[in-house]
PDB file of all heavy atoms in Angstrom:
ATOM      1  N   TYR A   1       7.538  -1.703  -6.817  1.00  0.00           N
ATOM      2  CA  TYR A   1       7.782  -1.724  -5.372  1.00  0.00           C
ATOM      3  C   TYR A   1       6.519  -2.115  -4.604  1.00  0.00           C
ATOM      4  O   TYR A   1       6.566  -2.968  -3.715  1.00  0.00           O
ATOM      5  CB  TYR A   1       8.289  -0.366  -4.897  1.00  0.00           C
ATOM      6  CG  TYR A   1       8.537  -0.367  -3.409  1.00  0.00           C
ATOM      7  CD1 TYR A   1       9.611  -1.069  -2.879  1.00  0.00           C
ATOM      8  CD2 TYR A   1       7.670   0.281  -2.540  1.00  0.00           C
ATOM      9  CE1 TYR A   1       9.820  -1.117  -1.510  1.00  0.00           C
ATOM     10  CE2 TYR A   1       7.878   0.236  -1.172  1.00  0.00           C
ATOM     11  CZ  TYR A   1       8.958  -0.459  -0.667  1.00  0.00           C
ATOM     12  OH  TYR A   1       9.157  -0.531   0.679  1.00  0.00           O
ATOM     13  N   VAL A   2       5.399  -1.498  -4.950  1.00  0.00           N
ATOM     14  CA  VAL A   2       4.146  -1.792  -4.256  1.00  0.00           C
ATOM     15  C   VAL A   2       3.773  -3.260  -4.422  1.00  0.00           C
ATOM     16  O   VAL A   2       3.348  -3.922  -3.465  1.00  0.00           O
ATOM     17  CB  VAL A   2       3.016  -0.879  -4.779  1.00  0.00           C
ATOM     18  CG1 VAL A   2       1.660  -1.337  -4.243  1.00  0.00           C
ATOM     19  CG2 VAL A   2       3.271   0.569  -4.388  1.00  0.00           C
ATOM     20  N   GLN A   3       3.954  -3.799  -5.633  1.00  0.00           N
ATOM     21  CA  GLN A   3       3.604  -5.195  -5.879  1.00  0.00           C
ATOM     22  C   GLN A   3       4.461  -6.138  -5.056  1.00  0.00           C
ATOM     23  O   GLN A   3       3.977  -7.144  -4.532  1.00  0.00           O
ATOM     24  CB  GLN A   3       3.749  -5.516  -7.373  1.00  0.00           C
ATOM     25  CG  GLN A   3       3.204  -6.885  -7.757  1.00  0.00           C
ATOM     26  CD  GLN A   3       1.734  -7.031  -7.435  1.00  0.00           C
ATOM     27  OE1 GLN A   3       0.925  -6.187  -7.812  1.00  0.00           O
ATOM     28  NE2 GLN A   3       1.367  -8.095  -6.727  1.00  0.00           N
ATOM     29  N   HIS A   4       5.744  -5.795  -4.928  1.00  0.00           N
ATOM     30  CA  HIS A   4       6.643  -6.638  -4.128  1.00  0.00           C
ATOM     31  C   HIS A   4       6.183  -6.686  -2.675  1.00  0.00           C
ATOM     32  O   HIS A   4       6.112  -7.764  -2.069  1.00  0.00           O
ATOM     33  CB  HIS A   4       8.071  -6.105  -4.205  1.00  0.00           C
ATOM     34  CG  HIS A   4       9.015  -6.793  -3.271  1.00  0.00           C
ATOM     35  ND1 HIS A   4       9.503  -8.054  -3.509  1.00  0.00           N
ATOM     36  CD2 HIS A   4       9.544  -6.400  -2.072  1.00  0.00           C
ATOM     37  CE1 HIS A   4      10.290  -8.423  -2.514  1.00  0.00           C
ATOM     38  NE2 HIS A   4      10.334  -7.436  -1.638  1.00  0.00           N
ATOM     39  N   VAL A   5       5.856  -5.530  -2.118  1.00  0.00           N
ATOM     40  CA  VAL A   5       5.402  -5.490  -0.726  1.00  0.00           C
ATOM     41  C   VAL A   5       4.064  -6.217  -0.583  1.00  0.00           C
ATOM     42  O   VAL A   5       3.850  -6.983   0.358  1.00  0.00           O
ATOM     43  CB  VAL A   5       5.274  -4.026  -0.239  1.00  0.00           C
ATOM     44  CG1 VAL A   5       4.705  -3.973   1.170  1.00  0.00           C
ATOM     45  CG2 VAL A   5       6.639  -3.336  -0.288  1.00  0.00           C
ATOM     46  N   ALA A   6       3.144  -5.994  -1.545  1.00  0.00           N
ATOM     47  CA  ALA A   6       1.830  -6.637  -1.480  1.00  0.00           C
ATOM     48  C   ALA A   6       1.945  -8.158  -1.558  1.00  0.00           C
ATOM     49  O   ALA A   6       1.198  -8.886  -0.885  1.00  0.00           O
ATOM     50  CB  ALA A   6       0.941  -6.112  -2.606  1.00  0.00           C
ATOM     51  N   ASP A   7       2.893  -8.646  -2.370  1.00  0.00           N
ATOM     52  CA  ASP A   7       3.084 -10.101  -2.480  1.00  0.00           C
ATOM     53  C   ASP A   7       3.522 -10.709  -1.159  1.00  0.00           C
ATOM     54  O   ASP A   7       3.153 -11.840  -0.820  1.00  0.00           O
ATOM     55  CB  ASP A   7       4.116 -10.417  -3.571  1.00  0.00           C
ATOM     56  CG  ASP A   7       3.571 -10.168  -4.970  1.00  0.00           C
ATOM     57  OD1 ASP A   7       2.337 -10.046  -5.108  1.00  0.00           O
ATOM     58  OD2 ASP A   7       4.374 -10.082  -5.918  1.00  0.00           O
ATOM     59  N   GLU A   8       4.338  -9.960  -0.417  1.00  0.00           N
ATOM     60  CA  GLU A   8       4.830 -10.461   0.862  1.00  0.00           C
ATOM     61  C   GLU A   8       3.776 -10.358   1.963  1.00  0.00           C
ATOM     62  O   GLU A   8       3.859 -11.057   2.975  1.00  0.00           O
ATOM     63  CB  GLU A   8       6.086  -9.681   1.285  1.00  0.00           C
ATOM     64  CG  GLU A   8       7.282  -9.873   0.366  1.00  0.00           C
ATOM     65  CD  GLU A   8       7.861 -11.272   0.460  1.00  0.00           C
ATOM     66  OE1 GLU A   8       7.746 -11.900   1.536  1.00  0.00           O
ATOM     67  OE2 GLU A   8       8.410 -11.747  -0.560  1.00  0.00           O
ATOM     68  N   LEU A   9       2.816  -9.462   1.765  1.00  0.00           N
ATOM     69  CA  LEU A   9       1.797  -9.225   2.799  1.00  0.00           C
ATOM     70  C   LEU A   9       0.405  -9.552   2.264  1.00  0.00           C
ATOM     71  O   LEU A   9      -0.535  -8.780   2.410  1.00  0.00           O
ATOM     72  CB  LEU A   9       1.855  -7.761   3.256  1.00  0.00           C
ATOM     73  CG  LEU A   9       3.170  -7.286   3.864  1.00  0.00           C
ATOM     74  CD1 LEU A   9       3.148  -5.780   4.067  1.00  0.00           C
ATOM     75  CD2 LEU A   9       3.451  -7.995   5.190  1.00  0.00           C
ATOM     76  N   GLN A  10       0.275 -10.701   1.629  1.00  0.00           N
ATOM     77  CA  GLN A  10      -1.004 -11.077   1.039  1.00  0.00           C
ATOM     78  C   GLN A  10      -2.101 -11.170   2.107  1.00  0.00           C
ATOM     79  O   GLN A  10      -1.891 -11.714   3.182  1.00  0.00           O
ATOM     80  CB  GLN A  10      -0.866 -12.427   0.320  1.00  0.00           C
ATOM     81  CG  GLN A  10      -0.024 -12.343  -0.943  1.00  0.00           C
ATOM     82  CD  GLN A  10       0.035 -13.662  -1.681  1.00  0.00           C
ATOM     83  OE1 GLN A  10      -0.729 -14.568  -1.421  1.00  0.00           O
ATOM     84  NE2 GLN A  10       0.974 -13.770  -2.619  1.00  0.00           N
ATOM     85  N   GLY A  11      -3.253 -10.608   1.756  1.00  0.00           N
ATOM     86  CA  GLY A  11      -4.371 -10.645   2.682  1.00  0.00           C
ATOM     87  C   GLY A  11      -4.381  -9.507   3.679  1.00  0.00           C
ATOM     88  O   GLY A  11      -5.338  -9.362   4.450  1.00  0.00           O
ATOM     89  N   VAL A  12      -3.318  -8.681   3.679  1.00  0.00           N
ATOM     90  CA  VAL A  12      -3.222  -7.554   4.614  1.00  0.00           C
ATOM     91  C   VAL A  12      -3.668  -6.279   3.906  1.00  0.00           C
ATOM     92  O   VAL A  12      -3.331  -6.057   2.739  1.00  0.00           O
ATOM     93  CB  VAL A  12      -1.774  -7.393   5.132  1.00  0.00           C
ATOM     94  CG1 VAL A  12      -1.654  -6.152   6.001  1.00  0.00           C
ATOM     95  CG2 VAL A  12      -1.345  -8.628   5.891  1.00  0.00           C
ATOM     96  N   ARG A  13      -4.418  -5.447   4.601  1.00  0.00           N
ATOM     97  CA  ARG A  13      -4.807  -4.160   4.021  1.00  0.00           C
ATOM     98  C   ARG A  13      -3.586  -3.255   3.979  1.00  0.00           C
ATOM     99  O   ARG A  13      -3.041  -2.870   5.023  1.00  0.00           O
ATOM    100  CB  ARG A  13      -5.925  -3.510   4.833  1.00  0.00           C
ATOM    101  CG  ARG A  13      -6.497  -2.284   4.134  1.00  0.00           C
ATOM    102  CD  ARG A  13      -7.588  -1.614   4.927  1.00  0.00           C
ATOM    103  NE  ARG A  13      -8.198  -0.547   4.138  1.00  0.00           N
ATOM    104  CZ  ARG A  13      -8.956   0.414   4.639  1.00  0.00           C
ATOM    105  NH1 ARG A  13      -9.218   0.435   5.939  1.00  0.00           N
ATOM    106  NH2 ARG A  13      -9.461   1.350   3.859  1.00  0.00           N
ATOM    107  N   LEU A  14      -3.141  -2.927   2.756  1.00  0.00           N
ATOM    108  CA  LEU A  14      -1.925  -2.140   2.555  1.00  0.00           C
ATOM    109  C   LEU A  14      -2.310  -0.786   1.985  1.00  0.00           C
ATOM    110  O   LEU A  14      -2.951  -0.699   0.938  1.00  0.00           O
ATOM    111  CB  LEU A  14      -0.983  -2.883   1.602  1.00  0.00           C
ATOM    112  CG  LEU A  14       0.332  -2.216   1.237  1.00  0.00           C
ATOM    113  CD1 LEU A  14       1.201  -1.988   2.465  1.00  0.00           C
ATOM    114  CD2 LEU A  14       1.091  -3.066   0.208  1.00  0.00           C
ATOM    115  N   MET A  15      -1.911   0.294   2.685  1.00  0.00           N
ATOM    116  CA  MET A  15      -2.235   1.647   2.247  1.00  0.00           C
ATOM    117  C   MET A  15      -0.971   2.501   2.200  1.00  0.00           C
ATOM    118  O   MET A  15      -0.039   2.281   2.983  1.00  0.00           O
ATOM    119  CB  MET A  15      -3.261   2.287   3.188  1.00  0.00           C
ATOM    120  CG  MET A  15      -4.633   1.653   3.116  1.00  0.00           C
ATOM    121  SD  MET A  15      -5.764   2.314   4.370  1.00  0.00           S
ATOM    122  CE  MET A  15      -5.176   1.452   5.806  1.00  0.00           C
ATOM    123  N   PHE A  16      -0.968   3.452   1.284  1.00  0.00           N
ATOM    124  CA  PHE A  16       0.191   4.321   1.110  1.00  0.00           C
ATOM    125  C   PHE A  16      -0.197   5.784   1.274  1.00  0.00           C
ATOM    126  O   PHE A  16      -1.280   6.214   0.849  1.00  0.00           O
ATOM    127  CB  PHE A  16       0.815   4.117  -0.278  1.00  0.00           C
ATOM    128  CG  PHE A  16       1.590   2.839  -0.406  1.00  0.00           C
ATOM    129  CD1 PHE A  16       0.955   1.659  -0.722  1.00  0.00           C
ATOM    130  CD2 PHE A  16       2.962   2.815  -0.188  1.00  0.00           C
ATOM    131  CE1 PHE A  16       1.660   0.470  -0.838  1.00  0.00           C
ATOM    132  CE2 PHE A  16       3.678   1.644  -0.291  1.00  0.00           C
ATOM    133  CZ  PHE A  16       3.031   0.470  -0.620  1.00  0.00           C
ATOM    134  N   MET A  17       0.694   6.530   1.899  1.00  0.00           N
ATOM    135  CA  MET A  17       0.508   7.967   2.049  1.00  0.00           C
ATOM    136  C   MET A  17       0.683   8.644   0.694  1.00  0.00           C
ATOM    137  O   MET A  17       1.633   8.366  -0.044  1.00  0.00           O
ATOM    138  CB  MET A  17       1.533   8.520   3.038  1.00  0.00           C
ATOM    139  CG  MET A  17       1.519  10.024   3.208  1.00  0.00           C
ATOM    140  SD  MET A  17       0.041  10.638   4.021  1.00  0.00           S
ATOM    141  CE  MET A  17       0.326  10.096   5.709  1.00  0.00           C
ATOM    142  N   GLN A  18      -0.239   9.544   0.348  1.00  0.00           N
ATOM    143  CA  GLN A  18      -0.142  10.298  -0.893  1.00  0.00           C
ATOM    144  C   GLN A  18       0.452  11.683  -0.627  1.00  0.00           C
ATOM    145  O   GLN A  18       0.552  12.117   0.519  1.00  0.00           O
ATOM    146  CB  GLN A  18      -1.526  10.450  -1.520  1.00  0.00           C
ATOM    147  CG  GLN A  18      -2.195   9.131  -1.869  1.00  0.00           C
ATOM    148  CD  GLN A  18      -3.545   9.350  -2.498  1.00  0.00           C
ATOM    149  OE1 GLN A  18      -3.711   9.290  -3.708  1.00  0.00           O
ATOM    150  NE2 GLN A  18      -4.543   9.618  -1.658  1.00  0.00           N
ATOM    151  N   SER A  19       0.796  12.372  -1.702  1.00  0.00           N
ATOM    152  CA  SER A  19       1.389  13.703  -1.571  1.00  0.00           C
ATOM    153  C   SER A  19       0.456  14.698  -0.905  1.00  0.00           C
ATOM    154  O   SER A  19       0.901  15.701  -0.349  1.00  0.00           O
ATOM    155  CB  SER A  19       1.782  14.241  -2.955  1.00  0.00           C
ATOM    156  OG  SER A  19       2.716  13.386  -3.584  1.00  0.00           O
ATOM    157  N   ASN A  20      -0.871  14.439  -0.963  1.00  0.00           N
ATOM    158  CA  ASN A  20      -1.829  15.378  -0.383  1.00  0.00           C
ATOM    159  C   ASN A  20      -2.077  15.132   1.098  1.00  0.00           C
ATOM    160  O   ASN A  20      -2.897  15.801   1.726  1.00  0.00           O
ATOM    161  CB  ASN A  20      -3.153  15.328  -1.156  1.00  0.00           C
ATOM    162  CG  ASN A  20      -3.801  13.953  -1.129  1.00  0.00           C
ATOM    163  OD1 ASN A  20      -3.430  13.089  -0.328  1.00  0.00           O
ATOM    164  ND2 ASN A  20      -4.767  13.739  -1.990  1.00  0.00           N
ATOM    165  N   GLY A  21      -1.386  14.142   1.693  1.00  0.00           N
ATOM    166  CA  GLY A  21      -1.539  13.870   3.115  1.00  0.00           C
ATOM    167  C   GLY A  21      -2.597  12.833   3.434  1.00  0.00           C
ATOM    168  O   GLY A  21      -2.803  12.503   4.599  1.00  0.00           O
ATOM    169  N   GLY A  22      -3.264  12.293   2.408  1.00  0.00           N
ATOM    170  CA  GLY A  22      -4.258  11.243   2.602  1.00  0.00           C
ATOM    171  C   GLY A  22      -3.701   9.883   2.234  1.00  0.00           C
ATOM    172  O   GLY A  22      -2.614   9.766   1.660  1.00  0.00           O
ATOM    173  N   LEU A  23      -4.449   8.834   2.559  1.00  0.00           N
ATOM    174  CA  LEU A  23      -4.026   7.465   2.283  1.00  0.00           C
ATOM    175  C   LEU A  23      -4.736   6.918   1.049  1.00  0.00           C
ATOM    176  O   LEU A  23      -5.886   7.274   0.777  1.00  0.00           O
ATOM    177  CB  LEU A  23      -4.317   6.555   3.479  1.00  0.00           C
ATOM    178  CG  LEU A  23      -3.452   6.778   4.725  1.00  0.00           C
ATOM    179  CD1 LEU A  23      -4.057   6.059   5.923  1.00  0.00           C
ATOM    180  CD2 LEU A  23      -2.029   6.289   4.483  1.00  0.00           C
ATOM    181  N   ALA A  24      -4.052   6.045   0.319  1.00  0.00           N
ATOM    182  CA  ALA A  24      -4.645   5.372  -0.840  1.00  0.00           C
ATOM    183  C   ALA A  24      -4.380   3.884  -0.725  1.00  0.00           C
ATOM    184  O   ALA A  24      -3.319   3.463  -0.254  1.00  0.00           O
ATOM    185  CB  ALA A  24      -4.052   5.910  -2.145  1.00  0.00           C
ATOM    186  N   GLU A  25      -5.348   3.068  -1.152  1.00  0.00           N
ATOM    187  CA  GLU A  25      -5.123   1.632  -1.210  1.00  0.00           C
ATOM    188  C   GLU A  25      -3.979   1.345  -2.185  1.00  0.00           C
ATOM    189  O   GLU A  25      -3.768   2.090  -3.150  1.00  0.00           O
ATOM    190  CB  GLU A  25      -6.398   0.916  -1.671  1.00  0.00           C
ATOM    191  CG  GLU A  25      -7.577   1.071  -0.734  1.00  0.00           C
ATOM    192  CD  GLU A  25      -7.445   0.246   0.536  1.00  0.00           C
ATOM    193  OE1 GLU A  25      -6.558  -0.624   0.586  1.00  0.00           O
ATOM    194  OE2 GLU A  25      -8.233   0.473   1.474  1.00  0.00           O
ATOM    195  N   ALA A  26      -3.266   0.253  -1.959  1.00  0.00           N
ATOM    196  CA  ALA A  26      -2.081  -0.057  -2.759  1.00  0.00           C
ATOM    197  C   ALA A  26      -2.369  -0.047  -4.255  1.00  0.00           C
ATOM    198  O   ALA A  26      -1.589   0.485  -5.049  1.00  0.00           O
ATOM    199  CB  ALA A  26      -1.520  -1.411  -2.335  1.00  0.00           C
TER     200      ALA A  26
END
């Protein structure tokens, strides 16, 4: 899933919310 979104948004900083409430790079 992450790869699909990253492919569509190339060059964009993509971050995801983690279970601990912080963000992680894709």
